Amino acid sequence: MPLRRAFPGLLLASLLSVAACSATDAADRAADAASEPSPDPGAAETLFPDTAVDDLPGAPDAAGDDPDGSLADTHTPLPDLAEPDPGAPDVPADPGGGGDDVPTPPVHYCKPGTLFIYVANTENHLMRFDPISATFTDVGLLACETGWLAGTPFSMAIDRQATAWILYDDGKIFRVSTDDASCMPVNYVSGQQGFQTFGMGFASNTAGSNDETLFVSNAVLGAGSSELGTLTFPSLTLSVVGPTPAGIGSAELSGNGLGELWAFFPNGSKVAQVDKATATLSNEIPLPSGTISDARAWAFATWGGDFYLFFAGQWDASSSVYRVRKDGTFETLLTDTGWNITGAGVSSCAPTSHP
């Protein structure tokens, strides 16, 4: 999530920094490729060998949805939302008749691609991050918006079919393939409930559930009070859950298969668990304010029971990667990646503990 509105006094410096980075994009990426660790894109996948794919939560069993075992290894093209979406289950009826249906995104099975964290950056690339090897693999160039007035990625989430849902800074949402970074616009109406830009993350409805909800948290100026909301599928209607505590600013969200929702507050310099029904916080983990301060670009994901921060301050050349453990241990994994990372997403299919 880029902090474009939170520090008005530093906005010009921030924009000039991003523009300079974009102008030397090719050279920067070449330098990064020469200096970064050798990529090992299969490291996380080794946790789950091919023979165990059907054992993942929500995977089709041999006698059920996928008798020949082909679904997990086959890319599912993104369907046109103007037509019936075969990947989206019916929205359950509201037993109270009030119309407040629970959002239910596509959840049929877990693709192997859901074992990774994905990130998007202002250089318009979708990348795969392997938490085991701490390496990036470039998925492809994002061409969701083109031209002089094109926006850039603001935040993102990953569903159980390894599809990326990327919000741009102009309020538009696109569905993006994590196989090749191809984009498809969706029928989302921007600005609902006052949410123009927001952090976002999927979380299982309950521990081990195949059903999940897309939670959103609106971006606010400075240390103002943010609100937690949900996006209902397939209509993409936004509903407000409630405010998070005042004074700690905007949140970036990430959920997991245990039914937990977590938030990273760069202004409040903390990670905290969020109650999905009330937006109240618990299990707060303080972060070192000397490192996590003056935010310019940030993103957040939980994986294997730990938290991964992709963060750049106002005076940082690019994003660094940090790991935070629940006991408060703070580690630097990568410094100055060469990318300004503004979105991160992880599926609720991803591991919730280290092997």
Protein backbone atom coordinates (compact mmCIF):
# COMPACT_ATOMS: atom_id res chain seq x y z
CA MET A 1 0.00 0.00 0.00
CA PRO A 2 1.54 3.34 -0.96
CA LEU A 3 1.20 6.13 1.56
CA ARG A 4 0.35 8.85 -0.96
CA ARG A 5 -2.04 10.85 1.16
CA ALA A 6 -0.83 10.30 4.70
CA PHE A 7 2.09 12.73 4.72
CA PRO A 8 1.18 15.69 2.47
CA GLY A 9 4.34 17.61 3.33
CA LEU A 10 6.46 14.81 1.88
CA LEU A 11 4.27 13.99 -1.09
CA LEU A 12 6.42 15.79 -3.68
CA ALA A 13 9.60 14.10 -2.51
CA SER A 14 7.84 10.74 -2.62
CA LEU A 15 6.54 11.27 -6.15
CA LEU A 16 9.93 12.39 -7.40
CA SER A 17 11.49 9.30 -5.84
CA VAL A 18 9.03 6.97 -7.56
CA ALA A 19 9.41 8.83 -10.88
CA ALA A 20 13.19 8.53 -10.70
CA CYS A 21 12.90 4.82 -9.95
CA SER A 22 10.54 4.32 -12.88
CA ALA A 23 12.86 6.22 -15.22
CA THR A 24 15.71 3.83 -14.47
CA ASP A 25 13.51 0.78 -14.11
CA ALA A 26 15.35 -1.48 -16.55
CA ALA A 27 18.77 -0.62 -15.16
CA ASP A 28 17.63 -1.13 -11.57
CA ARG A 29 16.14 -4.53 -12.32
CA ALA A 30 19.32 -5.60 -14.11
CA ALA A 31 21.38 -4.59 -11.09
CA ASP A 32 18.99 -6.36 -8.73
CA ALA A 33 19.17 -9.55 -10.79
CA ALA A 34 22.94 -9.50 -10.57
CA SER A 35 23.06 -8.95 -6.81
CA GLU A 36 20.11 -10.84 -5.32
CA PRO A 37 20.43 -14.45 -4.06
CA SER A 38 19.97 -17.18 -6.61
CA PRO A 39 16.21 -17.75 -6.88
CA ASP A 40 14.82 -21.05 -5.74
CA PRO A 41 11.18 -20.81 -6.88
CA GLY A 42 10.45 -24.38 -5.85
CA ALA A 43 11.52 -24.06 -2.22
CA ALA A 44 8.07 -23.54 -0.72
CA GLU A 45 6.55 -26.13 -3.04
CA THR A 46 8.89 -28.76 -1.63
CA LEU A 47 6.83 -28.56 1.56
CA PHE A 48 3.99 -30.14 -0.37
CA PRO A 49 5.12 -32.73 -2.97
CA ASP A 50 2.88 -33.36 -5.96
CA THR A 51 1.53 -36.53 -4.37
CA ALA A 52 0.21 -34.49 -1.45
CA VAL A 53 -1.60 -31.76 -3.38
CA ASP A 54 -4.98 -33.41 -2.76
CA ASP A 55 -4.29 -33.32 0.98
CA LEU A 56 -4.32 -29.52 1.02
CA PRO A 57 -7.41 -27.92 2.63
CA GLY A 58 -10.21 -27.71 0.10
CA ALA A 59 -8.48 -29.86 -2.53
CA PRO A 60 -10.70 -32.20 -4.59
CA ASP A 61 -10.47 -35.80 -3.48
CA ALA A 62 -9.80 -38.71 -5.80
CA ALA A 63 -13.38 -39.89 -5.75
CA GLY A 64 -15.00 -36.47 -5.77
CA ASP A 65 -14.57 -33.24 -7.69
CA ASP A 66 -11.39 -34.21 -9.56
CA PRO A 67 -11.20 -37.97 -10.17
CA ASP A 68 -8.18 -37.80 -12.48
CA GLY A 69 -6.25 -35.34 -10.29
CA SER A 70 -5.89 -32.79 -13.07
CA LEU A 71 -7.41 -29.69 -11.49
CA ALA A 72 -4.53 -28.81 -9.20
CA ASP A 73 -2.05 -28.79 -12.09
CA THR A 74 -4.23 -26.99 -14.64
CA HIS A 75 -4.45 -23.21 -14.94
CA THR A 76 -8.04 -22.06 -14.76
CA PRO A 77 -8.61 -19.10 -17.15
CA LEU A 78 -10.22 -16.07 -15.58
CA PRO A 79 -13.88 -16.08 -16.69
CA ASP A 80 -15.67 -12.95 -17.86
CA LEU A 81 -17.67 -11.58 -14.93
CA ALA A 82 -20.39 -10.55 -17.38
CA GLU A 83 -21.16 -14.25 -17.68
CA PRO A 84 -21.96 -16.64 -14.81
CA ASP A 85 -18.75 -17.25 -12.88
CA PRO A 86 -18.24 -21.01 -12.49
CA GLY A 87 -15.65 -20.40 -9.77
CA ALA A 88 -17.97 -18.41 -7.50
CA PRO A 89 -20.34 -20.34 -5.24
CA ASP A 90 -23.80 -19.01 -4.56
CA VAL A 91 -24.04 -16.33 -1.90
CA PRO A 92 -25.91 -17.89 1.04
CA ALA A 93 -29.33 -16.54 1.82
CA ASP A 94 -29.68 -14.24 4.79
CA PRO A 95 -31.75 -16.15 7.36
CA GLY A 96 -32.77 -12.88 8.99
CA GLY A 97 -33.98 -11.35 5.75
CA GLY A 98 -31.87 -8.26 6.28
CA GLY A 99 -29.80 -8.64 3.14
CA ASP A 100 -26.44 -8.69 4.96
CA ASP A 101 -25.09 -11.73 3.14
CA VAL A 102 -21.67 -13.10 4.03
CA PRO A 103 -19.07 -12.59 1.26
CA THR A 104 -18.13 -15.93 -0.30
CA PRO A 105 -15.26 -15.80 -2.85
CA PRO A 106 -14.23 -18.74 -5.09
CA VAL A 107 -12.86 -21.56 -2.90
CA HIS A 108 -13.21 -24.86 -4.79
CA TYR A 109 -9.68 -26.19 -4.27
CA CYS A 110 -6.18 -25.05 -3.44
CA LYS A 111 -3.78 -24.63 -6.35
CA PRO A 112 -0.05 -25.19 -5.72
CA GLY A 113 0.48 -21.49 -6.46
CA THR A 114 -1.29 -20.64 -3.20
CA LEU A 115 1.78 -21.78 -1.24
CA PHE A 116 3.56 -18.48 -1.94
CA ILE A 117 3.23 -14.81 -1.09
CA TYR A 118 2.64 -12.53 -4.09
CA VAL A 119 3.57 -8.86 -4.28
CA ALA A 120 2.86 -5.97 -6.64
CA ASN A 121 4.94 -2.82 -6.99
CA THR A 122 4.80 0.66 -8.44
CA GLU A 123 7.07 -0.52 -11.24
CA ASN A 124 4.00 -2.52 -12.37
CA HIS A 125 5.32 -6.02 -11.84
CA LEU A 126 3.61 -8.96 -10.17
CA MET A 127 6.15 -11.07 -8.29
CA ARG A 128 6.16 -14.28 -6.30
CA PHE A 129 7.97 -14.26 -2.96
CA ASP A 130 9.14 -17.53 -1.44
CA PRO A 131 9.31 -17.21 2.37
CA ILE A 132 11.55 -20.28 2.66
CA SER A 133 14.35 -19.01 0.40
CA ALA A 134 13.52 -15.28 0.79
CA THR A 135 13.70 -14.80 -2.99
CA PHE A 136 11.52 -13.11 -5.58
CA THR A 137 10.47 -14.55 -8.93
CA ASP A 138 9.03 -12.15 -11.50
CA VAL A 139 5.61 -13.35 -12.73
CA GLY A 140 5.19 -10.63 -15.32
CA LEU A 141 4.48 -7.03 -16.22
CA LEU A 142 1.09 -5.74 -15.11
CA ALA A 143 -0.75 -4.01 -17.96
CA CYS A 144 -4.10 -3.61 -16.20
CA GLU A 145 -3.94 0.13 -16.93
CA THR A 146 -1.88 1.81 -19.63
CA GLY A 147 -1.17 5.35 -20.83
CA TRP A 148 -0.11 8.58 -19.15
CA LEU A 149 -3.01 8.52 -16.70
CA ALA A 150 -2.62 4.86 -15.72
CA GLY A 151 -2.75 4.11 -12.03
CA THR A 152 -0.38 1.85 -10.10
CA PRO A 153 -1.06 -1.05 -7.69
CA PHE A 154 -2.19 0.07 -4.25
CA SER A 155 -2.94 -3.24 -2.50
CA MET A 156 -3.78 -6.85 -3.30
CA ALA A 157 -5.20 -10.12 -2.01
CA ILE A 158 -4.92 -13.75 -3.16
CA ASP A 159 -7.86 -16.19 -3.13
CA ARG A 160 -7.86 -19.99 -2.78
CA GLN A 161 -7.45 -20.46 -6.53
CA ALA A 162 -4.27 -18.35 -6.60
CA THR A 163 -6.04 -15.47 -8.35
CA ALA A 164 -4.79 -12.02 -7.40
CA TRP A 165 -7.29 -9.23 -6.72
CA ILE A 166 -5.35 -5.98 -7.21
CA LEU A 167 -6.67 -2.55 -6.23
CA TYR A 168 -5.13 0.37 -8.13
CA ASP A 169 -4.64 3.83 -6.64
CA ASP A 170 -7.49 5.18 -8.78
CA GLY A 171 -9.96 2.87 -7.00
CA LYS A 172 -10.30 0.21 -9.73
CA ILE A 173 -9.99 -3.51 -9.00
CA PHE A 174 -8.62 -6.12 -11.41
CA ARG A 175 -8.45 -9.90 -11.28
CA VAL A 176 -4.93 -10.98 -12.19
CA SER A 177 -3.53 -14.39 -13.06
CA THR A 178 -0.58 -15.41 -10.90
CA ASP A 179 0.56 -17.59 -13.81
CA ASP A 180 1.30 -14.78 -16.28
CA ALA A 181 0.11 -11.45 -14.72
CA SER A 182 -2.73 -11.08 -17.27
CA CYS A 183 -5.49 -8.73 -16.06
CA MET A 184 -9.27 -8.63 -16.23
CA PRO A 185 -11.41 -5.72 -14.94
CA VAL A 186 -14.26 -6.55 -12.58
CA ASN A 187 -17.63 -5.00 -11.86
CA TYR A 188 -16.53 -3.21 -8.69
CA VAL A 189 -18.02 0.25 -8.08
CA SER A 190 -15.33 2.45 -6.58
CA GLY A 191 -15.98 4.70 -3.58
CA GLN A 192 -18.57 2.53 -1.83
CA GLN A 193 -19.06 3.51 1.85
CA GLY A 194 -16.33 6.12 1.35
CA PHE A 195 -13.68 3.47 0.65
CA GLN A 196 -11.66 4.82 -2.29
CA THR A 197 -8.42 2.95 -1.58
CA PHE A 198 -7.89 0.28 1.06
CA GLY A 199 -5.80 -2.59 2.36
CA MET A 200 -7.21 -6.03 1.66
CA GLY A 201 -6.83 -9.69 2.58
CA PHE A 202 -8.74 -12.98 2.49
CA ALA A 203 -9.31 -14.97 5.69
CA SER A 204 -11.04 -18.31 6.19
CA ASN A 205 -14.45 -17.90 7.79
CA THR A 206 -13.53 -20.46 10.46
CA ALA A 207 -10.46 -22.59 11.14
CA GLY A 208 -10.05 -25.12 8.33
CA SER A 209 -13.06 -23.83 6.39
CA ASN A 210 -13.12 -23.93 2.60
CA ASP A 211 -15.07 -20.63 2.67
CA GLU A 212 -13.34 -17.29 3.02
CA THR A 213 -14.13 -13.60 3.18
CA LEU A 214 -12.32 -10.66 1.60
CA PHE A 215 -11.72 -8.02 4.27
CA VAL A 216 -10.80 -4.42 3.46
CA SER A 217 -9.54 -1.49 5.54
CA ASN A 218 -9.90 2.01 4.13
CA ALA A 219 -6.87 4.25 3.71
CA VAL A 220 -6.93 7.39 5.84
CA LEU A 221 -4.79 10.50 6.26
CA GLY A 222 -2.01 10.32 8.82
CA ALA A 223 -3.05 8.70 12.09
CA GLY A 224 -6.79 9.00 11.50
CA SER A 225 -9.23 6.21 12.32
CA SER A 226 -9.60 3.51 9.68
CA GLU A 227 -12.63 1.26 9.16
CA LEU A 228 -12.81 -2.48 8.59
CA GLY A 229 -15.16 -3.72 5.88
CA THR A 230 -15.92 -6.70 3.65
CA LEU A 231 -16.49 -7.20 -0.06
CA THR A 232 -19.34 -9.58 -0.90
CA PHE A 233 -18.93 -11.95 -3.86
CA PRO A 234 -19.91 -12.01 -6.66
CA SER A 235 -21.52 -8.54 -6.46
CA LEU A 236 -18.43 -6.92 -4.88
CA THR A 237 -20.66 -4.90 -2.57
CA LEU A 238 -18.77 -3.23 0.27
CA SER A 239 -20.13 -3.35 3.83
CA VAL A 240 -18.63 -1.70 6.91
CA VAL A 241 -17.85 -3.80 10.00
CA GLY A 242 -16.63 -1.01 12.26
CA PRO A 243 -13.75 1.36 13.08
CA THR A 244 -10.32 0.27 14.22
CA PRO A 245 -8.83 2.22 17.15
CA ALA A 246 -8.13 5.88 16.42
CA GLY A 247 -4.64 7.29 16.19
CA ILE A 248 -2.82 4.43 14.44
CA GLY A 249 -3.78 5.13 10.84
CA SER A 250 -4.38 2.87 7.86
CA ALA A 251 -4.08 -0.90 8.06
CA GLU A 252 -2.87 -3.44 5.57
CA LEU A 253 -4.60 -6.81 6.06
CA SER A 254 -3.72 -10.48 5.78
CA GLY A 255 -5.68 -13.57 6.85
CA ASN A 256 -5.03 -17.29 7.12
CA GLY A 257 -6.62 -20.73 7.13
CA LEU A 258 -7.09 -20.63 10.90
CA GLY A 259 -9.81 -18.04 10.44
CA GLU A 260 -7.59 -15.25 11.79
CA LEU A 261 -7.32 -11.74 10.37
CA TRP A 262 -4.17 -9.70 11.05
CA ALA A 263 -3.28 -6.08 10.34
CA PHE A 264 -0.09 -4.06 9.96
CA PHE A 265 -0.32 -0.41 11.06
CA PRO A 266 2.82 1.43 9.88
CA ASN A 267 1.79 4.68 11.59
CA GLY A 268 1.10 2.83 14.82
CA SER A 269 4.25 0.71 14.30
CA LYS A 270 2.47 -2.50 15.22
CA VAL A 271 0.97 -5.76 14.00
CA ALA A 272 -2.28 -6.85 15.62
CA GLN A 273 -5.03 -9.43 15.28
CA VAL A 274 -8.36 -7.96 14.17
CA ASP A 275 -11.74 -9.24 15.35
CA LYS A 276 -13.60 -9.94 12.12
CA ALA A 277 -16.98 -9.14 13.68
CA THR A 278 -16.14 -5.97 15.62
CA ALA A 279 -12.82 -4.61 14.22
CA THR A 280 -11.31 -4.52 17.72
CA LEU A 281 -7.63 -5.38 18.13
CA SER A 282 -5.85 -8.00 20.23
CA ASN A 283 -2.47 -9.76 20.41
CA GLU A 284 -0.66 -6.55 19.51
CA ILE A 285 3.01 -6.88 18.50
CA PRO A 286 5.07 -3.67 18.68
CA LEU A 287 7.57 -2.99 15.89
CA PRO A 288 10.85 -1.04 16.11
CA SER A 289 9.84 2.55 15.41
CA GLY A 290 13.35 3.40 14.26
CA THR A 291 12.91 1.04 11.30
CA ILE A 292 9.16 1.16 10.69
CA SER A 293 8.55 4.90 10.42
CA ASP A 294 7.85 7.64 7.86
CA ALA A 295 6.10 5.10 5.65
CA ARG A 296 6.15 5.63 1.88
CA ALA A 297 5.23 2.17 0.57
CA TRP A 298 4.20 -0.90 2.49
CA ALA A 299 2.60 -4.32 2.16
CA PHE A 300 1.93 -7.18 4.54
CA ALA A 301 1.34 -10.95 4.59
CA THR A 302 1.12 -13.71 7.17
CA TRP A 303 2.68 -17.06 6.25
CA GLY A 304 3.71 -20.07 8.31
CA GLY A 305 2.66 -18.38 11.54
CA ASP A 306 4.96 -15.40 10.95
CA PHE A 307 4.40 -11.94 9.44
CA TYR A 308 6.22 -10.50 6.44
CA LEU A 309 6.54 -6.74 6.01
CA PHE A 310 7.52 -5.17 2.69
CA PHE A 311 8.36 -1.64 3.72
CA ALA A 312 9.99 1.56 2.45
CA GLY A 313 10.29 4.78 4.42
CA GLN A 314 10.35 8.26 2.91
CA TRP A 315 14.13 8.24 2.54
CA ASP A 316 14.58 4.60 1.51
CA ALA A 317 15.54 3.91 -2.11
CA SER A 318 13.22 0.89 -2.27
CA SER A 319 11.39 -1.67 -0.14
CA SER A 320 13.10 -3.98 2.32
CA VAL A 321 11.65 -7.25 3.60
CA TYR A 322 11.24 -7.97 7.31
CA ARG A 323 9.91 -10.99 9.21
CA VAL A 324 8.10 -10.60 12.51
CA ARG A 325 7.38 -13.53 14.79
CA LYS A 326 4.51 -13.64 17.24
CA ASP A 327 6.94 -13.34 20.15
CA GLY A 328 8.02 -9.96 18.75
CA THR A 329 11.28 -11.12 17.12
CA PHE A 330 12.05 -8.74 14.26
CA GLU A 331 14.39 -9.88 11.45
CA THR A 332 15.67 -8.21 8.28
CA LEU A 333 15.49 -10.67 5.36
CA LEU A 334 16.34 -8.40 2.41
CA THR A 335 17.49 -4.78 2.28
CA ASP A 336 16.74 -2.41 -0.61
CA THR A 337 15.15 -4.88 -3.02
CA GLY A 338 15.06 -2.39 -5.90
CA TRP A 339 11.24 -2.49 -5.96
CA ASN A 340 8.67 -0.19 -4.34
CA ILE A 341 6.26 -2.83 -3.08
CA THR A 342 2.74 -1.57 -2.42
CA GLY A 343 0.69 -4.77 -2.33
CA ALA A 344 1.10 -8.26 -0.92
CA GLY A 345 -1.30 -11.17 -0.84
CA VAL A 346 -1.35 -14.70 0.50
CA SER A 347 -4.07 -17.31 0.19
CA SER A 348 -5.88 -18.88 3.14
CA CYS A 349 -4.53 -22.15 1.66
CA ALA A 350 -0.98 -21.18 2.64
CA PRO A 351 0.76 -22.89 5.56
CA THR A 352 -0.14 -21.59 9.01
CA SER A 353 2.94 -23.02 10.74
CA HIS A 354 6.49 -23.87 9.74
CA PRO A 355 7.17 -27.54 9.00
